[in-house]
Amino acid sequence: MKKVKVLDIQFDVCTLTEALNRILDLLQNRRDESGKQIVTPNPEMLLEAQKNPEFKNILNKSWMSIPDGIGILWASSFQHGLRGRGKAARLIKAFFSLLALIFYPKSARKIFPQRVSGVDLMEAICSESRENNFGIFLLGAAPAVAEKTKHILEKKFPGIKITGTFAGSPSPADETHIKNLIQTSKPDILFVAFGAPAQEIWIHKHLPELKSVKIAMGVGGAFDFLAGVKRRAPSFMRILGLEWLFRLIQEPSRIKRIWNAVIKFPSRIINQ
């Protein structure tokens, strides 16, 4: 797959279907003993990576990196063809590209063909896992949310094999118990909802010990969305890149995180 960097973080250029096909090929034809890590960086995660070398290294060493967020698509398109341009030209291009993003979201797809959100990729993997009876373990989120997510997925994808769930935490105190649960249930697929960067760091640290796990992926708030604990933005808002606005309305306490994603991140891209 073609690779593209945004703020020194490497991404795979692919559609949801292409990403899913590559994952299924690995699941069906595992060629080595090591599990593979999938990451889905968003603008906030890229900003965190700039000040967290461990996190940055994990993102860049992952087996697959998928752009989660319209901001990543915009940044890659904005960077395209900028070499040698002065600051004034960059500011003018930034203004018009951000304006175009509102009225014509497809303008951000010059590099990446589509945004592949973590929750969409997770659901696609769950759906396809049934054909080969791949086992899935759901780790993280608030107490009882993973179990509720299990019931929702079993109803949505009849025949899905979910071998275990556990809330837990990325705390070292929980490590042994969590690893024992996973090793006992022997899943092929592990979804971790500890939030970034904790989930990516946890997977990177422990995946080599989880011998049955072929792929592991941090999914952030995916369990909350699937379990109905939090509402996901309507599809038209996701298409327009306004998912951040919907989440801000639902959770005003996220204002700092939203500021980072929609103000600080574009500024960093323009001025890099």
Protein backbone atom coordinates (compact mmCIF):
# COMPACT_ATOMS: atom_id res chain seq x y z
CA MET A 1 0.00 0.00 0.00
CA LYS A 2 1.09 3.58 -0.67
CA LYS A 3 2.30 5.48 2.40
CA VAL A 4 1.77 9.17 3.22
CA LYS A 5 3.02 11.17 6.20
CA VAL A 6 1.13 13.88 8.09
CA LEU A 7 3.09 15.61 10.88
CA ASP A 8 5.68 12.83 10.57
CA ILE A 9 3.09 10.11 11.21
CA GLN A 10 2.81 7.46 8.52
CA PHE A 11 -0.57 6.41 7.06
CA ASP A 12 -1.68 3.76 4.58
CA VAL A 13 -3.56 5.14 1.59
CA CYS A 14 -6.53 2.82 1.12
CA THR A 15 -10.29 2.50 1.15
CA LEU A 16 -12.27 0.64 3.80
CA THR A 17 -12.60 -2.33 1.43
CA GLU A 18 -8.85 -2.42 0.72
CA ALA A 19 -8.01 -2.23 4.44
CA LEU A 20 -10.51 -4.98 5.23
CA ASN A 21 -9.19 -7.26 2.49
CA ARG A 22 -5.64 -6.90 3.80
CA ILE A 23 -6.81 -7.69 7.34
CA LEU A 24 -8.77 -10.75 6.20
CA ASP A 25 -5.76 -12.01 4.25
CA LEU A 26 -3.68 -11.82 7.44
CA LEU A 27 -6.36 -13.54 9.52
CA GLN A 28 -6.78 -16.33 7.01
CA ASN A 29 -3.11 -16.79 6.14
CA ARG A 30 -1.08 -15.94 9.20
CA ARG A 31 2.55 -16.23 8.16
CA ASP A 32 4.36 -15.72 11.47
CA GLU A 33 3.85 -15.91 15.19
CA SER A 34 3.55 -12.21 15.95
CA GLY A 35 0.23 -10.39 16.12
CA LYS A 36 -0.20 -7.17 14.15
CA GLN A 37 -1.29 -3.78 15.47
CA ILE A 38 -3.74 -1.53 13.64
CA VAL A 39 -3.95 2.17 14.55
CA THR A 40 -6.47 4.79 13.46
CA PRO A 41 -4.86 8.18 14.23
CA ASN A 42 -6.97 11.33 14.30
CA PRO A 43 -5.78 14.98 14.54
CA GLU A 44 -5.74 14.94 18.33
CA MET A 45 -3.58 11.81 18.34
CA LEU A 46 -1.12 13.40 15.92
CA LEU A 47 -0.74 16.40 18.22
CA GLU A 48 -0.14 14.06 21.17
CA ALA A 49 2.49 12.20 19.16
CA GLN A 50 4.48 15.40 18.63
CA LYS A 51 5.22 15.57 22.36
CA ASN A 52 5.16 11.84 23.14
CA PRO A 53 8.06 10.02 21.39
CA GLU A 54 6.91 6.58 22.59
CA PHE A 55 3.45 7.09 21.12
CA LYS A 56 4.87 8.48 17.87
CA ASN A 57 7.14 5.47 17.50
CA ILE A 58 4.23 3.06 18.06
CA LEU A 59 2.06 4.79 15.45
CA ASN A 60 4.84 4.67 12.88
CA LYS A 61 5.73 1.03 13.56
CA SER A 62 2.16 -0.24 13.38
CA TRP A 63 1.25 -2.84 10.75
CA MET A 64 -1.59 -0.66 9.43
CA SER A 65 -2.39 3.02 10.02
CA ILE A 66 -5.77 4.32 8.89
CA PRO A 67 -6.81 8.03 8.87
CA ASP A 68 -9.69 8.56 11.29
CA GLY A 69 -10.91 12.12 10.93
CA ILE A 70 -11.65 14.54 8.12
CA GLY A 71 -8.79 16.63 9.46
CA ILE A 72 -6.24 14.03 8.36
CA LEU A 73 -7.70 13.96 4.86
CA TRP A 74 -7.66 17.76 4.70
CA ALA A 75 -4.06 17.95 5.97
CA SER A 76 -2.79 15.47 3.37
CA SER A 77 -4.57 17.38 0.58
CA PHE A 78 -3.36 20.75 1.85
CA GLN A 79 0.26 19.55 1.95
CA HIS A 80 0.01 18.31 -1.64
CA GLY A 81 1.93 20.62 -3.99
CA LEU A 82 3.05 23.08 -1.30
CA ARG A 83 6.80 22.54 -1.64
CA GLY A 84 8.58 25.86 -2.15
CA ARG A 85 5.54 28.05 -1.49
CA GLY A 86 5.79 31.03 0.85
CA LYS A 87 3.74 31.70 3.97
CA ALA A 88 1.26 33.98 2.19
CA ALA A 89 0.54 31.30 -0.42
CA ARG A 90 0.08 28.72 2.33
CA LEU A 91 -2.40 30.93 4.19
CA ILE A 92 -4.42 31.60 1.05
CA LYS A 93 -4.52 27.92 0.17
CA ALA A 94 -5.48 27.05 3.76
CA PHE A 95 -8.38 29.51 3.75
CA PHE A 96 -9.86 28.24 0.51
CA SER A 97 -9.23 24.57 1.27
CA LEU A 98 -10.96 24.84 4.65
CA LEU A 99 -13.84 26.72 3.03
CA ALA A 100 -14.12 24.03 0.37
CA LEU A 101 -14.19 21.41 3.12
CA ILE A 102 -17.50 22.85 4.36
CA PHE A 103 -19.25 23.02 1.01
CA TYR A 104 -17.51 20.22 -0.86
CA PRO A 105 -16.03 17.62 1.54
CA LYS A 106 -14.72 15.53 -1.36
CA SER A 107 -12.11 18.23 -1.95
CA ALA A 108 -10.14 16.68 0.93
CA ARG A 109 -9.77 13.38 -0.93
CA LYS A 110 -6.84 14.26 -3.17
CA ILE A 111 -4.58 11.80 -1.34
CA PHE A 112 -6.81 9.53 0.74
CA PRO A 113 -9.81 8.14 -1.16
CA GLN A 114 -12.00 8.13 1.96
CA ARG A 115 -12.02 8.55 5.70
CA VAL A 116 -12.07 5.17 7.44
CA SER A 117 -13.26 5.63 11.00
CA GLY A 118 -12.26 3.20 13.72
CA VAL A 119 -15.84 2.21 14.50
CA ASP A 120 -16.62 1.56 10.81
CA LEU A 121 -13.53 -0.61 10.41
CA MET A 122 -14.33 -2.46 13.62
CA GLU A 123 -17.87 -3.26 12.43
CA ALA A 124 -16.58 -4.40 9.04
CA ILE A 125 -14.10 -6.76 10.71
CA CYS A 126 -16.84 -8.10 12.99
CA SER A 127 -19.13 -8.76 10.05
CA GLU A 128 -16.45 -10.60 8.04
CA SER A 129 -15.14 -12.54 11.06
CA ARG A 130 -18.17 -14.83 10.95
CA GLU A 131 -17.20 -16.59 7.72
CA ASN A 132 -14.10 -18.14 9.30
CA ASN A 133 -15.38 -18.20 12.87
CA PHE A 134 -12.67 -15.86 14.13
CA GLY A 135 -12.89 -15.18 17.87
CA ILE A 136 -13.08 -11.61 19.18
CA PHE A 137 -12.26 -10.15 22.62
CA LEU A 138 -13.62 -6.74 23.69
CA LEU A 139 -11.43 -4.96 26.22
CA GLY A 140 -12.01 -1.57 27.82
CA ALA A 141 -14.66 1.18 28.18
CA ALA A 142 -16.69 1.72 31.36
CA PRO A 143 -17.96 -1.28 33.39
CA ALA A 144 -20.68 -3.27 31.57
CA VAL A 145 -20.22 -1.35 28.27
CA ALA A 146 -18.10 -4.06 26.63
CA GLU A 147 -20.66 -6.70 27.62
CA LYS A 148 -23.48 -4.58 26.19
CA THR A 149 -21.45 -4.10 23.03
CA LYS A 150 -21.11 -7.87 22.80
CA HIS A 151 -24.91 -8.30 22.87
CA ILE A 152 -25.40 -5.56 20.26
CA LEU A 153 -22.84 -7.14 17.93
CA GLU A 154 -24.34 -10.60 18.37
CA LYS A 155 -27.73 -9.23 17.41
CA LYS A 156 -26.38 -7.22 14.47
CA PHE A 157 -24.08 -9.97 13.17
CA PRO A 158 -25.67 -13.36 13.91
CA GLY A 159 -23.05 -16.06 14.28
CA ILE A 160 -20.30 -13.73 15.46
CA LYS A 161 -17.92 -15.38 17.93
CA ILE A 162 -17.10 -13.09 20.86
CA THR A 163 -14.94 -15.11 23.23
CA GLY A 164 -14.79 -12.60 26.09
CA THR A 165 -15.25 -9.07 27.40
CA PHE A 166 -13.69 -7.09 30.23
CA ALA A 167 -13.64 -3.42 31.21
CA GLY A 168 -10.31 -3.33 33.02
CA SER A 169 -7.88 -0.46 32.60
CA PRO A 170 -4.39 0.19 31.24
CA SER A 171 -3.12 0.24 34.82
CA PRO A 172 -0.19 -2.14 35.52
CA ALA A 173 -2.28 -3.55 38.37
CA ASP A 174 -4.72 -5.02 35.81
CA GLU A 175 -2.16 -6.37 33.35
CA THR A 176 -1.83 -9.94 34.61
CA HIS A 177 -5.57 -10.50 35.01
CA ILE A 178 -6.36 -9.08 31.57
CA LYS A 179 -3.68 -11.18 29.86
CA ASN A 180 -4.93 -14.31 31.61
CA LEU A 181 -8.50 -13.63 30.45
CA ILE A 182 -7.39 -13.12 26.85
CA GLN A 183 -5.07 -16.11 26.80
CA THR A 184 -7.81 -18.34 28.23
CA SER A 185 -10.42 -17.25 25.68
CA LYS A 186 -7.93 -17.47 22.75
CA PRO A 187 -9.35 -14.79 20.43
CA ASP A 188 -8.00 -14.08 16.96
CA ILE A 189 -8.99 -10.41 17.15
CA LEU A 190 -8.60 -7.96 20.05
CA PHE A 191 -10.37 -4.59 20.22
CA VAL A 192 -9.14 -2.25 22.99
CA ALA A 193 -11.15 0.78 24.12
CA PHE A 194 -8.86 2.48 26.64
CA GLY A 195 -8.62 5.71 24.65
CA ALA A 196 -5.49 7.09 23.01
CA PRO A 197 -2.61 6.91 23.64
CA ALA A 198 -3.14 4.38 26.46
CA GLN A 199 -4.74 1.73 24.20
CA GLU A 200 -1.98 1.89 21.58
CA ILE A 201 0.75 1.73 24.21
CA TRP A 202 -0.99 -1.21 25.97
CA ILE A 203 -1.34 -3.17 22.72
CA HIS A 204 2.26 -2.52 21.69
CA LYS A 205 3.53 -3.69 25.07
CA HIS A 206 1.43 -6.84 25.49
CA LEU A 207 0.56 -8.08 22.00
CA PRO A 208 3.71 -10.26 21.73
CA GLU A 209 2.54 -12.19 24.82
CA LEU A 210 -0.99 -12.83 23.47
CA LYS A 211 -0.15 -15.76 21.20
CA SER A 212 -3.62 -16.38 19.75
CA VAL A 213 -4.22 -12.74 18.77
CA LYS A 214 -3.56 -12.11 15.07
CA ILE A 215 -4.67 -8.47 14.98
CA ALA A 216 -5.22 -5.91 17.75
CA MET A 217 -6.73 -2.48 17.31
CA GLY A 218 -7.39 0.49 19.57
CA VAL A 219 -10.97 1.66 19.03
CA GLY A 220 -11.40 4.62 21.40
CA GLY A 221 -15.10 5.33 21.95
CA ALA A 222 -16.38 2.65 19.53
CA PHE A 223 -17.90 0.52 22.31
CA ASP A 224 -19.82 3.56 23.61
CA PHE A 225 -21.27 4.22 20.15
CA LEU A 226 -22.16 0.59 19.45
CA ALA A 227 -23.68 0.06 22.91
CA GLY A 228 -25.74 3.24 22.61
CA VAL A 229 -24.06 4.87 25.61
CA LYS A 230 -23.22 7.81 23.33
CA ARG A 231 -24.91 8.84 20.10
CA ARG A 232 -22.85 8.98 16.95
CA ALA A 233 -23.26 11.97 14.65
CA PRO A 234 -25.80 11.54 11.82
CA SER A 235 -24.26 10.35 8.56
CA PHE A 236 -24.67 13.73 6.85
CA MET A 237 -22.62 15.42 9.60
CA ARG A 238 -19.92 12.76 9.27
CA ILE A 239 -19.81 13.32 5.51
CA LEU A 240 -19.47 17.08 6.03
CA GLY A 241 -16.72 16.59 8.59
CA LEU A 242 -18.88 18.02 11.39
CA GLU A 243 -18.79 15.05 13.73
CA TRP A 244 -16.73 17.17 16.13
CA LEU A 245 -19.61 19.68 16.39
CA PHE A 246 -22.12 16.96 17.22
CA ARG A 247 -19.86 15.58 19.95
CA LEU A 248 -19.26 19.07 21.35
CA ILE A 249 -23.02 19.64 21.63
CA GLN A 250 -23.40 16.31 23.42
CA GLU A 251 -20.33 16.74 25.63
CA PRO A 252 -19.36 20.40 26.24
CA SER A 253 -16.56 19.13 28.48
CA ARG A 254 -14.73 18.04 25.32
CA ILE A 255 -14.10 21.67 24.35
CA LYS A 256 -10.32 21.41 24.84
CA ARG A 257 -10.10 18.27 22.72
CA ILE A 258 -12.29 19.84 20.03
CA TRP A 259 -10.11 22.97 20.07
CA ASN A 260 -7.05 20.82 19.48
CA ALA A 261 -8.69 19.02 16.56
CA VAL A 262 -10.31 21.92 14.70
CA ILE A 263 -8.06 24.89 15.58
CA LYS A 264 -4.67 23.78 16.87
CA PHE A 265 -4.18 20.93 14.39
CA PRO A 266 -4.89 22.98 11.21
CA SER A 267 -2.64 25.76 12.56
CA ARG A 268 0.15 23.24 13.09
CA ILE A 269 -0.27 21.93 9.55
CA ILE A 270 -0.26 25.41 8.01
CA ASN A 271 2.83 26.52 9.93
CA GLN A 272 4.90 23.34 9.85
